[in-house]
Amino acid sequence: MASDTGSILPLHARNLTVSFADRAALRSISFQLQSGTLTGIIGPNGAGKSTLLPAQRGR
């Protein structure tokens, strides 16, 4: 996302919870990514990595 000045704004989430039906896939996730940095999402299978990315588009 770009601001009026053309700079890239950071991505952040506070207390993000993603649920499918009555089951929480992610619970109370908070983070902030700074502009101009490279960030990776790592973790074991089933940890919620793929669930996190589309959840950020919802807002």
PDB file of N, CA and C in Angstrom:
ATOM      1  N   MET A   1       0.844  -1.158   0.000  1.00  0.00           N
ATOM      2  CA  MET A   1       0.000   0.000   0.000  1.00  0.00           C
ATOM      3  C   MET A   1       0.898   1.232   0.000  1.00  0.00           C
ATOM      4  N   ALA A   2       0.589   2.223  -0.784  1.00  0.00           N
ATOM      5  CA  ALA A   2       1.399   3.438  -0.842  1.00  0.00           C
ATOM      6  C   ALA A   2       0.628   4.602  -0.235  1.00  0.00           C
ATOM      7  N   SER A   3       1.338   5.484   0.419  1.00  0.00           N
ATOM      8  CA  SER A   3       0.728   6.687   0.979  1.00  0.00           C
ATOM      9  C   SER A   3       0.709   7.775  -0.081  1.00  0.00           C
ATOM     10  N   ASP A   4       0.196   8.955   0.261  1.00  0.00           N
ATOM     11  CA  ASP A   4       0.146  10.074  -0.677  1.00  0.00           C
ATOM     12  C   ASP A   4       1.538  10.506  -1.115  1.00  0.00           C
ATOM     13  N   THR A   5       2.548  10.263  -0.288  1.00  0.00           N
ATOM     14  CA  THR A   5       3.911  10.656  -0.632  1.00  0.00           C
ATOM     15  C   THR A   5       4.616   9.600  -1.471  1.00  0.00           C
ATOM     16  N   GLY A   6       3.966   8.459  -1.710  1.00  0.00           N
ATOM     17  CA  GLY A   6       4.550   7.415  -2.530  1.00  0.00           C
ATOM     18  C   GLY A   6       5.370   6.396  -1.755  1.00  0.00           C
ATOM     19  N   SER A   7       5.545   6.572  -0.461  1.00  0.00           N
ATOM     20  CA  SER A   7       6.324   5.609   0.316  1.00  0.00           C
ATOM     21  C   SER A   7       5.460   4.396   0.647  1.00  0.00           C
ATOM     22  N   ILE A   8       6.109   3.273   0.884  1.00  0.00           N
ATOM     23  CA  ILE A   8       5.401   2.042   1.208  1.00  0.00           C
ATOM     24  C   ILE A   8       5.143   1.995   2.710  1.00  0.00           C
ATOM     25  N   LEU A   9       3.894   1.727   3.069  1.00  0.00           N
ATOM     26  CA  LEU A   9       3.522   1.646   4.479  1.00  0.00           C
ATOM     27  C   LEU A   9       3.769   0.235   5.000  1.00  0.00           C
ATOM     28  N   PRO A  10       4.115   0.083   6.282  1.00  0.00           N
ATOM     29  CA  PRO A  10       4.352  -1.248   6.845  1.00  0.00           C
ATOM     30  C   PRO A  10       3.048  -2.047   6.975  1.00  0.00           C
ATOM     31  N   LEU A  11       3.202  -3.336   6.985  1.00  0.00           N
ATOM     32  CA  LEU A  11       2.078  -4.247   7.204  1.00  0.00           C
ATOM     33  C   LEU A  11       2.071  -4.633   8.670  1.00  0.00           C
ATOM     34  N   HIS A  12       0.914  -4.573   9.315  1.00  0.00           N
ATOM     35  CA  HIS A  12       0.861  -4.971  10.714  1.00  0.00           C
ATOM     36  C   HIS A  12      -0.488  -5.614  11.028  1.00  0.00           C
ATOM     37  N   ALA A  13      -0.488  -6.426  12.051  1.00  0.00           N
ATOM     38  CA  ALA A  13      -1.704  -7.065  12.558  1.00  0.00           C
ATOM     39  C   ALA A  13      -1.623  -7.081  14.077  1.00  0.00           C
ATOM     40  N   ARG A  14      -2.767  -6.898  14.701  1.00  0.00           N
ATOM     41  CA  ARG A  14      -2.842  -6.970  16.166  1.00  0.00           C
ATOM     42  C   ARG A  14      -3.969  -7.911  16.562  1.00  0.00           C
ATOM     43  N   ASN A  15      -3.626  -8.911  17.339  1.00  0.00           N
ATOM     44  CA  ASN A  15      -4.594  -9.881  17.853  1.00  0.00           C
ATOM     45  C   ASN A  15      -5.456 -10.498  16.745  1.00  0.00           C
ATOM     46  N   LEU A  16      -4.821 -10.871  15.651  1.00  0.00           N
ATOM     47  CA  LEU A  16      -5.508 -11.485  14.522  1.00  0.00           C
ATOM     48  C   LEU A  16      -5.879 -12.916  14.871  1.00  0.00           C
ATOM     49  N   THR A  17      -7.140 -13.260  14.669  1.00  0.00           N
ATOM     50  CA  THR A  17      -7.613 -14.627  14.859  1.00  0.00           C
ATOM     51  C   THR A  17      -8.345 -15.032  13.592  1.00  0.00           C
ATOM     52  N   VAL A  18      -8.038 -16.210  13.074  1.00  0.00           N
ATOM     53  CA  VAL A  18      -8.694 -16.750  11.881  1.00  0.00           C
ATOM     54  C   VAL A  18      -9.350 -18.056  12.286  1.00  0.00           C
ATOM     55  N   SER A  19     -10.646 -18.173  12.002  1.00  0.00           N
ATOM     56  CA  SER A  19     -11.392 -19.379  12.362  1.00  0.00           C
ATOM     57  C   SER A  19     -12.078 -19.964  11.141  1.00  0.00           C
ATOM     58  N   PHE A  20     -12.196 -21.266  11.138  1.00  0.00           N
ATOM     59  CA  PHE A  20     -12.969 -21.990  10.144  1.00  0.00           C
ATOM     60  C   PHE A  20     -14.043 -22.733  10.910  1.00  0.00           C
ATOM     61  N   ALA A  21     -15.298 -22.373  10.653  1.00  0.00           N
ATOM     62  CA  ALA A  21     -16.426 -22.877  11.437  1.00  0.00           C
ATOM     63  C   ALA A  21     -16.184 -22.491  12.898  1.00  0.00           C
ATOM     64  N   ASP A  22     -16.121 -23.446  13.804  1.00  0.00           N
ATOM     65  CA  ASP A  22     -15.904 -23.143  15.220  1.00  0.00           C
ATOM     66  C   ASP A  22     -14.482 -23.420  15.676  1.00  0.00           C
ATOM     67  N   ARG A  23     -13.569 -23.645  14.740  1.00  0.00           N
ATOM     68  CA  ARG A  23     -12.198 -24.004  15.103  1.00  0.00           C
ATOM     69  C   ARG A  23     -11.221 -22.895  14.693  1.00  0.00           C
ATOM     70  N   ALA A  24     -10.457 -22.381  15.668  1.00  0.00           N
ATOM     71  CA  ALA A  24      -9.475 -21.328  15.394  1.00  0.00           C
ATOM     72  C   ALA A  24      -8.231 -21.939  14.759  1.00  0.00           C
ATOM     73  N   ALA A  25      -7.856 -21.409  13.576  1.00  0.00           N
ATOM     74  CA  ALA A  25      -6.638 -21.857  12.904  1.00  0.00           C
ATOM     75  C   ALA A  25      -5.451 -21.028  13.373  1.00  0.00           C
ATOM     76  N   LEU A  26      -5.681 -19.748  13.622  1.00  0.00           N
ATOM     77  CA  LEU A  26      -4.676 -18.833  14.186  1.00  0.00           C
ATOM     78  C   LEU A  26      -5.344 -18.101  15.339  1.00  0.00           C
ATOM     79  N   ARG A  27      -4.610 -17.898  16.406  1.00  0.00           N
ATOM     80  CA  ARG A  27      -5.183 -17.266  17.594  1.00  0.00           C
ATOM     81  C   ARG A  27      -4.265 -16.153  18.089  1.00  0.00           C
ATOM     82  N   SER A  28      -4.776 -14.920  18.134  1.00  0.00           N
ATOM     83  CA  SER A  28      -4.090 -13.766  18.722  1.00  0.00           C
ATOM     84  C   SER A  28      -2.683 -13.545  18.142  1.00  0.00           C
ATOM     85  N   ILE A  29      -2.592 -13.503  16.817  1.00  0.00           N
ATOM     86  CA  ILE A  29      -1.310 -13.267  16.148  1.00  0.00           C
ATOM     87  C   ILE A  29      -1.095 -11.760  16.018  1.00  0.00           C
ATOM     88  N   SER A  30       0.058 -11.277  16.425  1.00  0.00           N
ATOM     89  CA  SER A  30       0.411  -9.866  16.279  1.00  0.00           C
ATOM     90  C   SER A  30       1.807  -9.765  15.671  1.00  0.00           C
ATOM     91  N   PHE A  31       1.960  -8.845  14.708  1.00  0.00           N
ATOM     92  CA  PHE A  31       3.273  -8.612  14.108  1.00  0.00           C
ATOM     93  C   PHE A  31       3.257  -7.288  13.355  1.00  0.00           C
ATOM     94  N   GLN A  32       4.448  -6.798  13.037  1.00  0.00           N
ATOM     95  CA  GLN A  32       4.599  -5.618  12.194  1.00  0.00           C
ATOM     96  C   GLN A  32       5.812  -5.831  11.307  1.00  0.00           C
ATOM     97  N   LEU A  33       5.633  -5.602  10.011  1.00  0.00           N
ATOM     98  CA  LEU A  33       6.712  -5.721   9.043  1.00  0.00           C
ATOM     99  C   LEU A  33       7.099  -4.317   8.594  1.00  0.00           C
ATOM    100  N   GLN A  34       8.368  -4.026   8.597  1.00  0.00           N
ATOM    101  CA  GLN A  34       8.855  -2.705   8.207  1.00  0.00           C
ATOM    102  C   GLN A  34       9.074  -2.625   6.701  1.00  0.00           C
ATOM    103  N   SER A  35       8.916  -1.446   6.150  1.00  0.00           N
ATOM    104  CA  SER A  35       9.180  -1.194   4.735  1.00  0.00           C
ATOM    105  C   SER A  35      10.654  -1.446   4.429  1.00  0.00           C
ATOM    106  N   GLY A  36      10.922  -1.979   3.259  1.00  0.00           N
ATOM    107  CA  GLY A  36      12.303  -2.164   2.814  1.00  0.00           C
ATOM    108  C   GLY A  36      13.007  -3.357   3.419  1.00  0.00           C
ATOM    109  N   THR A  37      12.279  -4.247   4.086  1.00  0.00           N
ATOM    110  CA  THR A  37      12.889  -5.442   4.663  1.00  0.00           C
ATOM    111  C   THR A  37      12.353  -6.682   3.966  1.00  0.00           C
ATOM    112  N   LEU A  38      13.107  -7.746   4.020  1.00  0.00           N
ATOM    113  CA  LEU A  38      12.690  -9.026   3.478  1.00  0.00           C
ATOM    114  C   LEU A  38      12.339  -9.925   4.657  1.00  0.00           C
ATOM    115  N   THR A  39      11.147 -10.490   4.633  1.00  0.00           N
ATOM    116  CA  THR A  39      10.673 -11.303   5.750  1.00  0.00           C
ATOM    117  C   THR A  39      10.213 -12.655   5.235  1.00  0.00           C
ATOM    118  N   GLY A  40      10.557 -13.709   5.937  1.00  0.00           N
ATOM    119  CA  GLY A  40      10.104 -15.053   5.603  1.00  0.00           C
ATOM    120  C   GLY A  40       9.199 -15.581   6.693  1.00  0.00           C
ATOM    121  N   ILE A  41       8.298 -16.445   6.308  1.00  0.00           N
ATOM    122  CA  ILE A  41       7.401 -17.102   7.269  1.00  0.00           C
ATOM    123  C   ILE A  41       7.792 -18.565   7.294  1.00  0.00           C
ATOM    124  N   ILE A  42       8.279 -19.021   8.443  1.00  0.00           N
ATOM    125  CA  ILE A  42       8.723 -20.410   8.562  1.00  0.00           C
ATOM    126  C   ILE A  42       7.988 -21.088   9.702  1.00  0.00           C
ATOM    127  N   GLY A  43       7.905 -22.389   9.636  1.00  0.00           N
ATOM    128  CA  GLY A  43       7.275 -23.153  10.701  1.00  0.00           C
ATOM    129  C   GLY A  43       6.924 -24.537  10.205  1.00  0.00           C
ATOM    130  N   PRO A  44       6.525 -25.405  11.108  1.00  0.00           N
ATOM    131  CA  PRO A  44       6.188 -26.781  10.730  1.00  0.00           C
ATOM    132  C   PRO A  44       4.881 -26.843   9.938  1.00  0.00           C
ATOM    133  N   ASN A  45       4.661 -27.972   9.290  1.00  0.00           N
ATOM    134  CA  ASN A  45       3.398 -28.202   8.585  1.00  0.00           C
ATOM    135  C   ASN A  45       2.236 -28.040   9.562  1.00  0.00           C
ATOM    136  N   GLY A  46       1.200 -27.342   9.114  1.00  0.00           N
ATOM    137  CA  GLY A  46       0.011 -27.171   9.933  1.00  0.00           C
ATOM    138  C   GLY A  46       0.088 -26.027  10.932  1.00  0.00           C
ATOM    139  N   ALA A  47       1.144 -25.219  10.873  1.00  0.00           N
ATOM    140  CA  ALA A  47       1.309 -24.133  11.846  1.00  0.00           C
ATOM    141  C   ALA A  47       0.492 -22.886  11.502  1.00  0.00           C
ATOM    142  N   GLY A  48      -0.027 -22.789  10.264  1.00  0.00           N
ATOM    143  CA  GLY A  48      -0.847 -21.647   9.886  1.00  0.00           C
ATOM    144  C   GLY A  48      -0.194 -20.661   8.940  1.00  0.00           C
ATOM    145  N   LYS A  49       0.922 -21.024   8.344  1.00  0.00           N
ATOM    146  CA  LYS A  49       1.628 -20.117   7.426  1.00  0.00           C
ATOM    147  C   LYS A  49       0.747 -19.733   6.241  1.00  0.00           C
ATOM    148  N   SER A  50       0.147 -20.696   5.600  1.00  0.00           N
ATOM    149  CA  SER A  50      -0.702 -20.430   4.432  1.00  0.00           C
ATOM    150  C   SER A  50      -2.013 -19.759   4.827  1.00  0.00           C
ATOM    151  N   THR A  51      -2.458 -19.945   6.023  1.00  0.00           N
ATOM    152  CA  THR A  51      -3.680 -19.309   6.516  1.00  0.00           C
ATOM    153  C   THR A  51      -3.450 -17.838   6.791  1.00  0.00           C
ATOM    154  N   LEU A  52      -2.269 -17.470   7.224  1.00  0.00           N
ATOM    155  CA  LEU A  52      -1.953 -16.089   7.578  1.00  0.00           C
ATOM    156  C   LEU A  52      -2.015 -15.148   6.387  1.00  0.00           C
ATOM    157  N   LEU A  53      -1.485 -15.530   5.248  1.00  0.00           N
ATOM    158  CA  LEU A  53      -1.386 -14.612   4.108  1.00  0.00           C
ATOM    159  C   LEU A  53      -2.733 -14.136   3.572  1.00  0.00           C
ATOM    160  N   PRO A  54      -3.696 -14.998   3.260  1.00  0.00           N
ATOM    161  CA  PRO A  54      -4.973 -14.481   2.788  1.00  0.00           C
ATOM    162  C   PRO A  54      -5.749 -13.731   3.871  1.00  0.00           C
ATOM    163  N   ALA A  55      -5.468 -13.988   5.122  1.00  0.00           N
ATOM    164  CA  ALA A  55      -6.179 -13.289   6.206  1.00  0.00           C
ATOM    165  C   ALA A  55      -5.862 -11.814   6.189  1.00  0.00           C
ATOM    166  N   GLN A  56      -4.693 -11.418   5.731  1.00  0.00           N
ATOM    167  CA  GLN A  56      -4.311 -10.016   5.685  1.00  0.00           C
ATOM    168  C   GLN A  56      -5.044  -9.245   4.604  1.00  0.00           C
ATOM    169  N   ARG A  57      -5.563  -9.916   3.597  1.00  0.00           N
ATOM    170  CA  ARG A  57      -6.275  -9.234   2.524  1.00  0.00           C
ATOM    171  C   ARG A  57      -7.657  -8.802   2.954  1.00  0.00           C
ATOM    172  N   GLY A  58      -8.188  -9.391   4.015  1.00  0.00           N
ATOM    173  CA  GLY A  58      -9.557  -9.145   4.421  1.00  0.00           C
ATOM    174  C   GLY A  58      -9.853  -7.747   4.904  1.00  0.00           C
ATOM    175  N   ARG A  59      -8.859  -6.992   5.239  1.00  0.00           N
ATOM    176  CA  ARG A  59      -9.115  -5.675   5.812  1.00  0.00           C
ATOM    177  C   ARG A  59      -9.045  -4.592   4.800  1.00  0.00           C
TER     178      ARG A  59
END
